[in-house]
Structures are given as C-alpha cells and as structure tokens.
PDB file of N, CA and C in Angstrom:
ATOM      1  N   MET A   1     -16.459   9.868  49.579  1.00  0.00           N
ATOM      2  CA  MET A   1     -17.860   9.702  48.695  1.00  0.00           C
ATOM      3  C   MET A   1     -18.710  10.808  48.431  1.00  0.00           C
ATOM      4  N   LYS A   2     -18.406  12.090  49.017  1.00  0.00           N
ATOM      5  CA  LYS A   2     -18.915  13.195  48.949  1.00  0.00           C
ATOM      6  C   LYS A   2     -18.152  13.511  47.747  1.00  0.00           C
ATOM      7  N   ASP A   3     -17.457  13.308  47.318  1.00  0.00           N
ATOM      8  CA  ASP A   3     -16.803  14.590  45.626  1.00  0.00           C
ATOM      9  C   ASP A   3     -17.301  13.498  44.988  1.00  0.00           C
ATOM     10  N   LEU A   4     -17.551  12.316  44.968  1.00  0.00           N
ATOM     11  CA  LEU A   4     -18.215  11.365  43.954  1.00  0.00           C
ATOM     12  C   LEU A   4     -19.401  11.754  43.363  1.00  0.00           C
ATOM     13  N   TRP A   5     -20.400  12.164  44.023  1.00  0.00           N
ATOM     14  CA  TRP A   5     -21.514  12.517  44.592  1.00  0.00           C
ATOM     15  C   TRP A   5     -21.784  13.876  43.793  1.00  0.00           C
ATOM     16  N   ILE A   6     -20.903  15.015  43.986  1.00  0.00           N
ATOM     17  CA  ILE A   6     -20.853  16.291  43.822  1.00  0.00           C
ATOM     18  C   ILE A   6     -20.361  16.269  41.975  1.00  0.00           C
ATOM     19  N   VAL A   7     -19.651  15.349  41.778  1.00  0.00           N
ATOM     20  CA  VAL A   7     -19.016  15.544  40.364  1.00  0.00           C
ATOM     21  C   VAL A   7     -20.502  14.622  39.370  1.00  0.00           C
ATOM     22  N   ILE A   8     -20.925  13.903  39.955  1.00  0.00           N
ATOM     23  CA  ILE A   8     -21.872  12.978  39.277  1.00  0.00           C
ATOM     24  C   ILE A   8     -23.112  13.807  38.912  1.00  0.00           C
ATOM     25  N   ILE A   9     -23.645  14.820  40.339  1.00  0.00           N
ATOM     26  CA  ILE A   9     -24.650  16.118  40.074  1.00  0.00           C
ATOM     27  C   ILE A   9     -24.380  16.659  39.268  1.00  0.00           C
ATOM     28  N   GLY A  10     -23.123  17.227  39.017  1.00  0.00           N
ATOM     29  CA  GLY A  10     -22.585  18.139  38.615  1.00  0.00           C
ATOM     30  C   GLY A  10     -22.730  17.508  36.520  1.00  0.00           C
ATOM     31  N   MET A  11     -22.304  16.867  36.418  1.00  0.00           N
ATOM     32  CA  MET A  11     -21.612  15.999  35.181  1.00  0.00           C
ATOM     33  C   MET A  11     -23.409  16.217  34.629  1.00  0.00           C
ATOM     34  N   GLY A  12     -24.574  15.360  35.456  1.00  0.00           N
ATOM     35  CA  GLY A  12     -26.043  15.676  35.176  1.00  0.00           C
ATOM     36  C   GLY A  12     -26.451  16.502  34.423  1.00  0.00           C
ATOM     37  N   LEU A  13     -26.444  17.704  35.790  1.00  0.00           N
ATOM     38  CA  LEU A  13     -26.373  19.361  35.295  1.00  0.00           C
ATOM     39  C   LEU A  13     -26.210  19.635  34.120  1.00  0.00           C
ATOM     40  N   GLY A  14     -24.884  19.413  33.611  1.00  0.00           N
ATOM     41  CA  GLY A  14     -24.185  19.609  32.605  1.00  0.00           C
ATOM     42  C   GLY A  14     -24.533  19.154  31.399  1.00  0.00           C
ATOM     43  N   SER A  15     -25.168  18.117  31.497  1.00  0.00           N
ATOM     44  CA  SER A  15     -25.796  17.424  30.129  1.00  0.00           C
ATOM     45  C   SER A  15     -27.079  17.791  29.940  1.00  0.00           C
ATOM     46  N   PHE A  16     -27.672  17.839  31.112  1.00  0.00           N
ATOM     47  CA  PHE A  16     -28.977  18.327  30.723  1.00  0.00           C
ATOM     48  C   PHE A  16     -29.174  19.413  30.052  1.00  0.00           C
ATOM     49  N   ALA A  17     -28.333  20.520  30.561  1.00  0.00           N
ATOM     50  CA  ALA A  17     -28.250  21.857  30.197  1.00  0.00           C
ATOM     51  C   ALA A  17     -28.015  21.914  28.687  1.00  0.00           C
ATOM     52  N   LEU A  18     -26.671  21.179  28.339  1.00  0.00           N
ATOM     53  CA  LEU A  18     -26.762  21.094  27.284  1.00  0.00           C
ATOM     54  C   LEU A  18     -27.345  20.388  26.221  1.00  0.00           C
ATOM     55  N   ARG A  19     -27.994  19.473  26.583  1.00  0.00           N
ATOM     56  CA  ARG A  19     -29.407  18.789  25.743  1.00  0.00           C
ATOM     57  C   ARG A  19     -30.715  20.108  25.591  1.00  0.00           C
ATOM     58  N   PHE A  20     -30.739  20.670  26.826  1.00  0.00           N
ATOM     59  CA  PHE A  20     -31.695  21.617  26.706  1.00  0.00           C
ATOM     60  C   PHE A  20     -31.662  22.589  25.851  1.00  0.00           C
ATOM     61  N   VAL A  21     -30.545  23.127  25.892  1.00  0.00           N
ATOM     62  CA  VAL A  21     -30.202  24.237  24.580  1.00  0.00           C
ATOM     63  C   VAL A  21     -30.917  23.853  23.633  1.00  0.00           C
ATOM     64  N   PHE A  22     -30.478  22.705  22.996  1.00  0.00           N
ATOM     65  CA  PHE A  22     -30.716  22.452  21.341  1.00  0.00           C
ATOM     66  C   PHE A  22     -32.234  21.742  21.428  1.00  0.00           C
ATOM     67  N   LEU A  23     -33.054  21.065  22.738  1.00  0.00           N
ATOM     68  CA  LEU A  23     -34.313  20.830  22.497  1.00  0.00           C
ATOM     69  C   LEU A  23     -35.202  21.844  23.205  1.00  0.00           C
ATOM     70  N   GLY A  24     -34.824  22.509  24.318  1.00  0.00           N
ATOM     71  CA  GLY A  24     -35.819  23.071  24.892  1.00  0.00           C
ATOM     72  C   GLY A  24     -35.893  24.543  24.144  1.00  0.00           C
ATOM     73  N   LEU A  25     -34.867  25.063  23.786  1.00  0.00           N
ATOM     74  CA  LEU A  25     -34.802  26.807  23.443  1.00  0.00           C
ATOM     75  C   LEU A  25     -34.577  26.846  21.814  1.00  0.00           C
ATOM     76  N   VAL A  26     -34.458  25.950  21.114  1.00  0.00           N
ATOM     77  CA  VAL A  26     -34.049  25.929  20.061  1.00  0.00           C
ATOM     78  C   VAL A  26     -35.069  25.076  19.308  1.00  0.00           C
ATOM     79  N   GLY A  27     -35.558  23.696  20.018  1.00  0.00           N
ATOM     80  CA  GLY A  27     -36.557  22.778  19.381  1.00  0.00           C
ATOM     81  C   GLY A  27     -37.516  23.122  18.366  1.00  0.00           C
ATOM     82  N   ASP A  28     -38.096  23.833  18.753  1.00  0.00           N
ATOM     83  CA  ASP A  28     -39.404  24.634  17.684  1.00  0.00           C
ATOM     84  C   ASP A  28     -38.977  25.804  16.856  1.00  0.00           C
ATOM     85  N   ARG A  29     -37.816  25.725  16.478  1.00  0.00           N
ATOM     86  CA  ARG A  29     -37.135  26.619  15.626  1.00  0.00           C
ATOM     87  C   ARG A  29     -36.409  26.234  14.444  1.00  0.00           C
ATOM     88  N   ALA A  30     -36.505  26.326  13.216  1.00  0.00           N
ATOM     89  CA  ALA A  30     -35.776  25.802  12.424  1.00  0.00           C
ATOM     90  C   ALA A  30     -34.257  26.522  12.359  1.00  0.00           C
ATOM     91  N   MET A  31     -33.697  25.520  12.522  1.00  0.00           N
ATOM     92  CA  MET A  31     -31.889  26.022  12.432  1.00  0.00           C
ATOM     93  C   MET A  31     -31.690  26.418  11.287  1.00  0.00           C
ATOM     94  N   PRO A  32     -30.751  27.235  11.308  1.00  0.00           N
ATOM     95  CA  PRO A  32     -29.519  27.743  10.038  1.00  0.00           C
ATOM     96  C   PRO A  32     -29.264  26.645   9.548  1.00  0.00           C
ATOM     97  N   ASP A  33     -29.036  26.902   7.672  1.00  0.00           N
ATOM     98  CA  ASP A  33     -28.177  25.563   7.173  1.00  0.00           C
ATOM     99  C   ASP A  33     -27.084  25.659   7.707  1.00  0.00           C
ATOM    100  N   TRP A  34     -26.285  26.349   8.032  1.00  0.00           N
ATOM    101  CA  TRP A  34     -24.701  26.755   8.311  1.00  0.00           C
ATOM    102  C   TRP A  34     -24.738  25.236   9.400  1.00  0.00           C
ATOM    103  N   LEU A  35     -25.574  25.916  10.168  1.00  0.00           N
ATOM    104  CA  LEU A  35     -25.215  25.057  11.550  1.00  0.00           C
ATOM    105  C   LEU A  35     -25.672  23.401  11.313  1.00  0.00           C
ATOM    106  N   LEU A  36     -26.938  23.297  10.615  1.00  0.00           N
ATOM    107  CA  LEU A  36     -27.282  21.945  10.466  1.00  0.00           C
ATOM    108  C   LEU A  36     -26.028  21.592   9.230  1.00  0.00           C
ATOM    109  N   ARG A  37     -25.299  21.808   8.400  1.00  0.00           N
ATOM    110  CA  ARG A  37     -24.331  21.579   7.736  1.00  0.00           C
ATOM    111  C   ARG A  37     -23.567  20.660   8.324  1.00  0.00           C
ATOM    112  N   HIS A  38     -23.172  21.482   9.914  1.00  0.00           N
ATOM    113  CA  HIS A  38     -22.094  20.933  10.796  1.00  0.00           C
ATOM    114  C   HIS A  38     -22.624  20.032  11.773  1.00  0.00           C
ATOM    115  N   LEU A  39     -23.727  20.207  11.719  1.00  0.00           N
ATOM    116  CA  LEU A  39     -24.078  18.798  12.859  1.00  0.00           C
ATOM    117  C   LEU A  39     -24.239  17.652  12.203  1.00  0.00           C
ATOM    118  N   ARG A  40     -24.590  17.502  10.604  1.00  0.00           N
ATOM    119  CA  ARG A  40     -24.009  16.434  10.050  1.00  0.00           C
ATOM    120  C   ARG A  40     -22.740  15.631  10.452  1.00  0.00           C
ATOM    121  N   TYR A  41     -21.894  16.278  10.870  1.00  0.00           N
ATOM    122  CA  TYR A  41     -20.429  15.383  10.958  1.00  0.00           C
ATOM    123  C   TYR A  41     -20.096  15.293  12.289  1.00  0.00           C
ATOM    124  N   THR A  42     -20.995  15.246  13.106  1.00  0.00           N
ATOM    125  CA  THR A  42     -21.310  14.858  14.348  1.00  0.00           C
ATOM    126  C   THR A  42     -20.622  13.543  14.822  1.00  0.00           C
ATOM    127  N   ALA A  43     -21.264  12.805  13.815  1.00  0.00           N
ATOM    128  CA  ALA A  43     -20.970  11.437  14.426  1.00  0.00           C
ATOM    129  C   ALA A  43     -19.763  11.007  13.739  1.00  0.00           C
ATOM    130  N   VAL A  44     -19.310  11.582  12.622  1.00  0.00           N
ATOM    131  CA  VAL A  44     -18.201  11.146  12.010  1.00  0.00           C
ATOM    132  C   VAL A  44     -16.957  11.721  13.041  1.00  0.00           C
ATOM    133  N   ALA A  45     -17.195  12.880  13.878  1.00  0.00           N
ATOM    134  CA  ALA A  45     -15.848  12.997  14.602  1.00  0.00           C
ATOM    135  C   ALA A  45     -16.108  12.003  15.933  1.00  0.00           C
ATOM    136  N   VAL A  46     -17.535  11.946  16.613  1.00  0.00           N
ATOM    137  CA  VAL A  46     -17.077  11.279  17.544  1.00  0.00           C
ATOM    138  C   VAL A  46     -16.630  10.202  17.469  1.00  0.00           C
ATOM    139  N   MET A  47     -17.072   9.248  16.386  1.00  0.00           N
ATOM    140  CA  MET A  47     -16.795   7.787  16.664  1.00  0.00           C
ATOM    141  C   MET A  47     -15.196   7.426  16.689  1.00  0.00           C
ATOM    142  N   PRO A  48     -14.862   8.402  15.417  1.00  0.00           N
ATOM    143  CA  PRO A  48     -13.068   7.988  15.930  1.00  0.00           C
ATOM    144  C   PRO A  48     -12.614   8.506  17.016  1.00  0.00           C
ATOM    145  N   ALA A  49     -12.598   9.179  17.608  1.00  0.00           N
ATOM    146  CA  ALA A  49     -12.237  10.106  18.868  1.00  0.00           C
ATOM    147  C   ALA A  49     -12.436   9.070  20.027  1.00  0.00           C
ATOM    148  N   LEU A  50     -13.666   8.410  20.048  1.00  0.00           N
ATOM    149  CA  LEU A  50     -13.648   7.464  20.867  1.00  0.00           C
ATOM    150  C   LEU A  50     -13.039   5.728  20.983  1.00  0.00           C
ATOM    151  N   VAL A  51     -13.254   5.917  19.412  1.00  0.00           N
ATOM    152  CA  VAL A  51     -12.373   4.535  19.096  1.00  0.00           C
ATOM    153  C   VAL A  51     -10.899   4.437  19.291  1.00  0.00           C
ATOM    154  N   ALA A  52     -10.297   5.698  18.611  1.00  0.00           N
ATOM    155  CA  ALA A  52      -8.455   5.602  18.149  1.00  0.00           C
ATOM    156  C   ALA A  52      -8.062   5.153  19.426  1.00  0.00           C
ATOM    157  N   PRO A  53      -8.151   6.073  20.751  1.00  0.00           N
ATOM    158  CA  PRO A  53      -6.926   5.419  22.005  1.00  0.00           C
ATOM    159  C   PRO A  53      -7.770   3.886  22.356  1.00  0.00           C
ATOM    160  N   LEU A  54      -8.875   3.406  21.914  1.00  0.00           N
ATOM    161  CA  LEU A  54      -8.630   1.981  22.343  1.00  0.00           C
ATOM    162  C   LEU A  54      -7.668   0.944  21.285  1.00  0.00           C
ATOM    163  N   VAL A  55      -7.520   1.729  20.150  1.00  0.00           N
ATOM    164  CA  VAL A  55      -6.874   1.099  19.077  1.00  0.00           C
ATOM    165  C   VAL A  55      -5.595   1.054  19.140  1.00  0.00           C
ATOM    166  N   ILE A  56      -4.999   2.173  19.505  1.00  0.00           N
ATOM    167  CA  ILE A  56      -3.551   2.928  19.881  1.00  0.00           C
ATOM    168  C   ILE A  56      -2.974   2.655  20.794  1.00  0.00           C
ATOM    169  N   TRP A  57      -3.483   2.600  22.011  1.00  0.00           N
ATOM    170  CA  TRP A  57      -3.018   2.339  23.431  1.00  0.00           C
ATOM    171  C   TRP A  57      -4.195   1.441  24.399  1.00  0.00           C
ATOM    172  N   PRO A  58      -4.273   0.140  23.953  1.00  0.00           N
ATOM    173  CA  PRO A  58      -5.163  -0.236  24.610  1.00  0.00           C
ATOM    174  C   PRO A  58      -4.926  -0.444  25.928  1.00  0.00           C
ATOM    175  N   SER A  59      -6.086  -0.640  27.407  1.00  0.00           N
ATOM    176  CA  SER A  59      -5.565  -1.038  28.514  1.00  0.00           C
ATOM    177  C   SER A  59      -5.652  -2.554  28.402  1.00  0.00           C
ATOM    178  N   ALA A  60      -6.011  -3.312  27.490  1.00  0.00           N
ATOM    179  CA  ALA A  60      -5.988  -4.950  27.425  1.00  0.00           C
ATOM    180  C   ALA A  60      -4.465  -5.386  27.456  1.00  0.00           C
ATOM    181  N   THR A  61      -3.319  -4.449  26.705  1.00  0.00           N
ATOM    182  CA  THR A  61      -2.216  -5.008  26.407  1.00  0.00           C
ATOM    183  C   THR A  61      -1.026  -4.281  27.248  1.00  0.00           C
ATOM    184  N   GLY A  62      -1.737  -3.501  28.168  1.00  0.00           N
ATOM    185  CA  GLY A  62      -0.967  -2.401  29.341  1.00  0.00           C
ATOM    186  C   GLY A  62      -0.396  -1.185  28.149  1.00  0.00           C
ATOM    187  N   GLY A  63      -1.309  -0.890  26.871  1.00  0.00           N
ATOM    188  CA  GLY A  63      -0.914   0.188  26.434  1.00  0.00           C
ATOM    189  C   GLY A  63       0.021   0.085  25.228  1.00  0.00           C
ATOM    190  N   GLU A  64       0.319  -0.954  24.756  1.00  0.00           N
ATOM    191  CA  GLU A  64       1.334  -1.430  23.479  1.00  0.00           C
ATOM    192  C   GLU A  64       0.153  -1.548  22.443  1.00  0.00           C
ATOM    193  N   THR A  65       0.545  -1.626  21.372  1.00  0.00           N
ATOM    194  CA  THR A  65      -0.164  -1.368  20.164  1.00  0.00           C
ATOM    195  C   THR A  65      -0.090  -2.642  19.493  1.00  0.00           C
ATOM    196  N   ASP A  66      -1.407  -3.335  19.760  1.00  0.00           N
ATOM    197  CA  ASP A  66      -1.914  -4.576  19.098  1.00  0.00           C
ATOM    198  C   ASP A  66      -1.907  -4.878  18.211  1.00  0.00           C
ATOM    199  N   PRO A  67      -1.510  -5.700  16.971  1.00  0.00           N
ATOM    200  CA  PRO A  67      -1.695  -5.718  15.896  1.00  0.00           C
ATOM    201  C   PRO A  67      -3.288  -6.152  15.421  1.00  0.00           C
ATOM    202  N   LEU A  68      -3.562  -7.051  16.101  1.00  0.00           N
ATOM    203  CA  LEU A  68      -5.426  -7.436  16.146  1.00  0.00           C
ATOM    204  C   LEU A  68      -5.966  -6.563  16.355  1.00  0.00           C
ATOM    205  N   ARG A  69      -5.682  -5.170  16.937  1.00  0.00           N
ATOM    206  CA  ARG A  69      -6.869  -4.312  16.713  1.00  0.00           C
ATOM    207  C   ARG A  69      -6.344  -3.271  15.534  1.00  0.00           C
ATOM    208  N   LEU A  70      -5.455  -3.030  15.470  1.00  0.00           N
ATOM    209  CA  LEU A  70      -4.999  -2.128  14.167  1.00  0.00           C
ATOM    210  C   LEU A  70      -5.690  -2.730  12.843  1.00  0.00           C
ATOM    211  N   ALA A  71      -5.776  -4.209  12.749  1.00  0.00           N
ATOM    212  CA  ALA A  71      -6.177  -5.359  11.209  1.00  0.00           C
ATOM    213  C   ALA A  71      -7.967  -4.975  11.978  1.00  0.00           C
ATOM    214  N   ALA A  72      -8.549  -4.903  12.930  1.00  0.00           N
ATOM    215  CA  ALA A  72      -9.699  -4.777  13.312  1.00  0.00           C
ATOM    216  C   ALA A  72     -10.231  -3.135  12.622  1.00  0.00           C
ATOM    217  N   ALA A  73      -9.522  -2.446  12.761  1.00  0.00           N
ATOM    218  CA  ALA A  73      -9.817  -1.210  12.887  1.00  0.00           C
ATOM    219  C   ALA A  73      -9.722  -0.510  11.242  1.00  0.00           C
ATOM    220  N   ALA A  74      -8.733  -1.474  10.454  1.00  0.00           N
ATOM    221  CA  ALA A  74      -8.422  -1.466   9.067  1.00  0.00           C
ATOM    222  C   ALA A  74      -9.626  -2.089   8.674  1.00  0.00           C
ATOM    223  N   ALA A  75     -10.099  -2.792   8.929  1.00  0.00           N
ATOM    224  CA  ALA A  75     -11.136  -3.789   8.129  1.00  0.00           C
ATOM    225  C   ALA A  75     -12.715  -2.686   8.659  1.00  0.00           C
ATOM    226  N   ALA A  76     -12.626  -2.015   9.573  1.00  0.00           N
ATOM    227  CA  ALA A  76     -13.764  -1.049   9.764  1.00  0.00           C
ATOM    228  C   ALA A  76     -13.981  -0.307   8.987  1.00  0.00           C
ATOM    229  N   LEU A  77     -12.767   0.256   8.931  1.00  0.00           N
ATOM    230  CA  LEU A  77     -12.258   1.187   7.637  1.00  0.00           C
ATOM    231  C   LEU A  77     -12.544   0.832   6.639  1.00  0.00           C
ATOM    232  N   ILE A  78     -12.198   0.734   5.904  1.00  0.00           N
ATOM    233  CA  ILE A  78     -12.191  -0.331   4.690  1.00  0.00           C
ATOM    234  C   ILE A  78     -13.419  -0.765   4.434  1.00  0.00           C
ATOM    235  N   VAL A  79     -14.534  -1.659   5.410  1.00  0.00           N
ATOM    236  CA  VAL A  79     -15.804  -1.758   4.982  1.00  0.00           C
ATOM    237  C   VAL A  79     -16.685  -0.373   5.167  1.00  0.00           C
ATOM    238  N   GLY A  80     -16.408   0.061   6.419  1.00  0.00           N
ATOM    239  CA  GLY A  80     -17.314   1.342   5.965  1.00  0.00           C
ATOM    240  C   GLY A  80     -16.891   2.234   5.127  1.00  0.00           C
ATOM    241  N   TYR A  81     -15.912   2.798   4.500  1.00  0.00           N
ATOM    242  CA  TYR A  81     -15.907   3.790   3.480  1.00  0.00           C
ATOM    243  C   TYR A  81     -16.658   3.296   2.218  1.00  0.00           C
ATOM    244  N   ILE A  82     -16.587   2.051   2.062  1.00  0.00           N
ATOM    245  CA  ILE A  82     -16.938   1.183   0.693  1.00  0.00           C
ATOM    246  C   ILE A  82     -18.502   0.798   0.904  1.00  0.00           C
ATOM    247  N   THR A  83     -18.994   0.546   1.877  1.00  0.00           N
ATOM    248  CA  THR A  83     -20.605   0.627   1.954  1.00  0.00           C
ATOM    249  C   THR A  83     -21.383   1.638   2.532  1.00  0.00           C
ATOM    250  N   LYS A  84     -20.715   2.818   3.299  1.00  0.00           N
ATOM    251  CA  LYS A  84     -20.906   4.152   3.580  1.00  0.00           C
ATOM    252  C   LYS A  84     -22.137   3.500   5.192  1.00  0.00           C
ATOM    253  N   SER A  85     -21.856   2.127   5.755  1.00  0.00           N
ATOM    254  CA  SER A  85     -22.915   1.907   6.866  1.00  0.00           C
ATOM    255  C   SER A  85     -22.155   1.791   8.272  1.00  0.00           C
ATOM    256  N   LEU A  86     -22.354   2.173   9.062  1.00  0.00           N
ATOM    257  CA  LEU A  86     -21.813   2.156  10.397  1.00  0.00           C
ATOM    258  C   LEU A  86     -21.963   0.783  11.121  1.00  0.00           C
ATOM    259  N   TYR A  87     -22.885   0.334  10.525  1.00  0.00           N
ATOM    260  CA  TYR A  87     -23.474  -1.061  11.104  1.00  0.00           C
ATOM    261  C   TYR A  87     -22.565  -1.999   9.906  1.00  0.00           C
ATOM    262  N   GLY A  88     -22.281  -2.056   9.209  1.00  0.00           N
ATOM    263  CA  GLY A  88     -21.282  -2.411   8.473  1.00  0.00           C
ATOM    264  C   GLY A  88     -19.818  -2.523   8.512  1.00  0.00           C
ATOM    265  N   ALA A  89     -19.336  -1.078   9.276  1.00  0.00           N
ATOM    266  CA  ALA A  89     -18.022  -1.085   9.836  1.00  0.00           C
ATOM    267  C   ALA A  89     -17.991  -1.664  10.998  1.00  0.00           C
ATOM    268  N   VAL A  90     -19.140  -1.550  12.189  1.00  0.00           N
ATOM    269  CA  VAL A  90     -18.958  -2.525  13.425  1.00  0.00           C
ATOM    270  C   VAL A  90     -18.737  -3.674  13.372  1.00  0.00           C
ATOM    271  N   GLY A  91     -19.334  -4.352  12.575  1.00  0.00           N
ATOM    272  CA  GLY A  91     -19.799  -5.705  12.258  1.00  0.00           C
ATOM    273  C   GLY A  91     -18.517  -6.018  11.649  1.00  0.00           C
ATOM    274  N   ALA A  92     -17.761  -5.683  10.634  1.00  0.00           N
ATOM    275  CA  ALA A  92     -16.588  -6.194  10.365  1.00  0.00           C
ATOM    276  C   ALA A  92     -15.132  -5.822  11.333  1.00  0.00           C
ATOM    277  N   GLY A  93     -15.203  -5.018  12.124  1.00  0.00           N
ATOM    278  CA  GLY A  93     -14.231  -4.871  13.062  1.00  0.00           C
ATOM    279  C   GLY A  93     -14.496  -5.775  13.919  1.00  0.00           C
ATOM    280  N   ALA A  94     -15.732  -5.978  14.695  1.00  0.00           N
ATOM    281  CA  ALA A  94     -15.973  -7.136  15.373  1.00  0.00           C
ATOM    282  C   ALA A  94     -15.574  -8.451  14.791  1.00  0.00           C
ATOM    283  N   ALA A  95     -15.984  -8.669  13.671  1.00  0.00           N
ATOM    284  CA  ALA A  95     -15.607 -10.079  12.990  1.00  0.00           C
ATOM    285  C   ALA A  95     -14.056 -10.392  13.412  1.00  0.00           C
ATOM    286  N   VAL A  96     -13.321  -9.010  12.915  1.00  0.00           N
ATOM    287  CA  VAL A  96     -11.667  -9.308  12.936  1.00  0.00           C
ATOM    288  C   VAL A  96     -11.465  -9.674  14.184  1.00  0.00           C
ATOM    289  N   MET A  97     -12.084  -9.040  15.067  1.00  0.00           N
ATOM    290  CA  MET A  97     -11.489  -9.293  16.531  1.00  0.00           C
ATOM    291  C   MET A  97     -11.915 -10.468  16.783  1.00  0.00           C
ATOM    292  N   ILE A  98     -12.849 -10.855  16.768  1.00  0.00           N
ATOM    293  CA  ILE A  98     -13.869 -12.507  17.284  1.00  0.00           C
ATOM    294  C   ILE A  98     -12.846 -13.253  16.625  1.00  0.00           C
ATOM    295  N   SER A  99     -12.733 -13.314  14.915  1.00  0.00           N
ATOM    296  CA  SER A  99     -11.882 -14.631  14.832  1.00  0.00           C
ATOM    297  C   SER A  99     -10.364 -14.201  14.765  1.00  0.00           C
ATOM    298  N   GLY A 100      -9.647 -13.277  15.011  1.00  0.00           N
ATOM    299  CA  GLY A 100      -8.198 -13.055  14.980  1.00  0.00           C
ATOM    300  C   GLY A 100      -8.220 -13.525  16.559  1.00  0.00           C
ATOM    301  N   ALA A 101      -9.118 -13.217  17.602  1.00  0.00           N
ATOM    302  CA  ALA A 101      -8.779 -14.016  18.530  1.00  0.00           C
ATOM    303  C   ALA A 101      -8.228 -15.867  18.760  1.00  0.00           C
ATOM    304  N   TRP A 102      -8.513 -16.449  17.928  1.00  0.00           N
ATOM    305  CA  TRP A 102      -8.242 -17.513  17.577  1.00  0.00           C
ATOM    306  C   TRP A 102      -7.110 -17.980  17.213  1.00  0.00           C
ATOM    307  N   LEU A 103      -6.459 -16.860  16.354  1.00  0.00           N
ATOM    308  CA  LEU A 103      -5.342 -17.093  15.953  1.00  0.00           C
ATOM    309  C   LEU A 103      -4.153 -16.737  16.433  1.00  0.00           C
ATOM    310  N   PRO A 104      -2.943 -17.445  16.222  1.00  0.00           N
ATOM    311  CA  PRO A 104      -1.939 -17.346  17.468  1.00  0.00           C
ATOM    312  C   PRO A 104      -1.202 -16.274  16.842  1.00  0.00           C
ATOM    313  N   PHE A 105      -0.971 -15.197  17.868  1.00  0.00           N
ATOM    314  CA  PHE A 105      -0.062 -14.089  17.470  1.00  0.00           C
ATOM    315  C   PHE A 105       1.163 -14.281  18.257  1.00  0.00           C
TER     316      PHE A 105
END
C-alpha cells in the first residue's frame, strides 16, 4: 500500500512539473514558431497512440483482433479525414460500435 502512494505522489509531482514548465515558466512569453508548429500535432499523435492498442489487442476479446473494432476504427478514420472533425470521427466510431453490437458476428 505504501508503494502505491509513492507512485501516486510521484506521478502527481511529475505531472505538475511538466505543466509548470509550460504554464509557469513560459506562460507569459511568446513561444518560437518552430515549437508552436510542432505542438499543433500533439493531439494528432496522442489520439492514435491511445486508441491503437484498444483496436488491435482489445482486452475484452482476450487480445484477439475483433472485426467490429476494426470497422469502427476505419469508420472513424474515414469520417475524421473527410470532415476534419474529432467529434465526427468519435461519433462515427461509436455509431459503428453500437450498431455492430446488434449484428451477429
């Protein structure tokens, strides 16, 4: 139990330190253009990194690839690419997952 609290406190301090670097130290200064250009792609890199393991190795199926999850990911990718909307992509993926749950696979 003591180890758990050490990890939780350490993660909290690390998270605070990372945010403080950008908000506390650099928050009142203009950032260079090259840094702002790279920060624009953070969400584009983080979303697939969070979703890809859940699509390819879902724990709900014991790590086996599921055609329904692949179809939902493809629908989200296509709608997101066409509309350039994160909410549209998430909605399309959710719609395929919900409607696909009713289909016998």
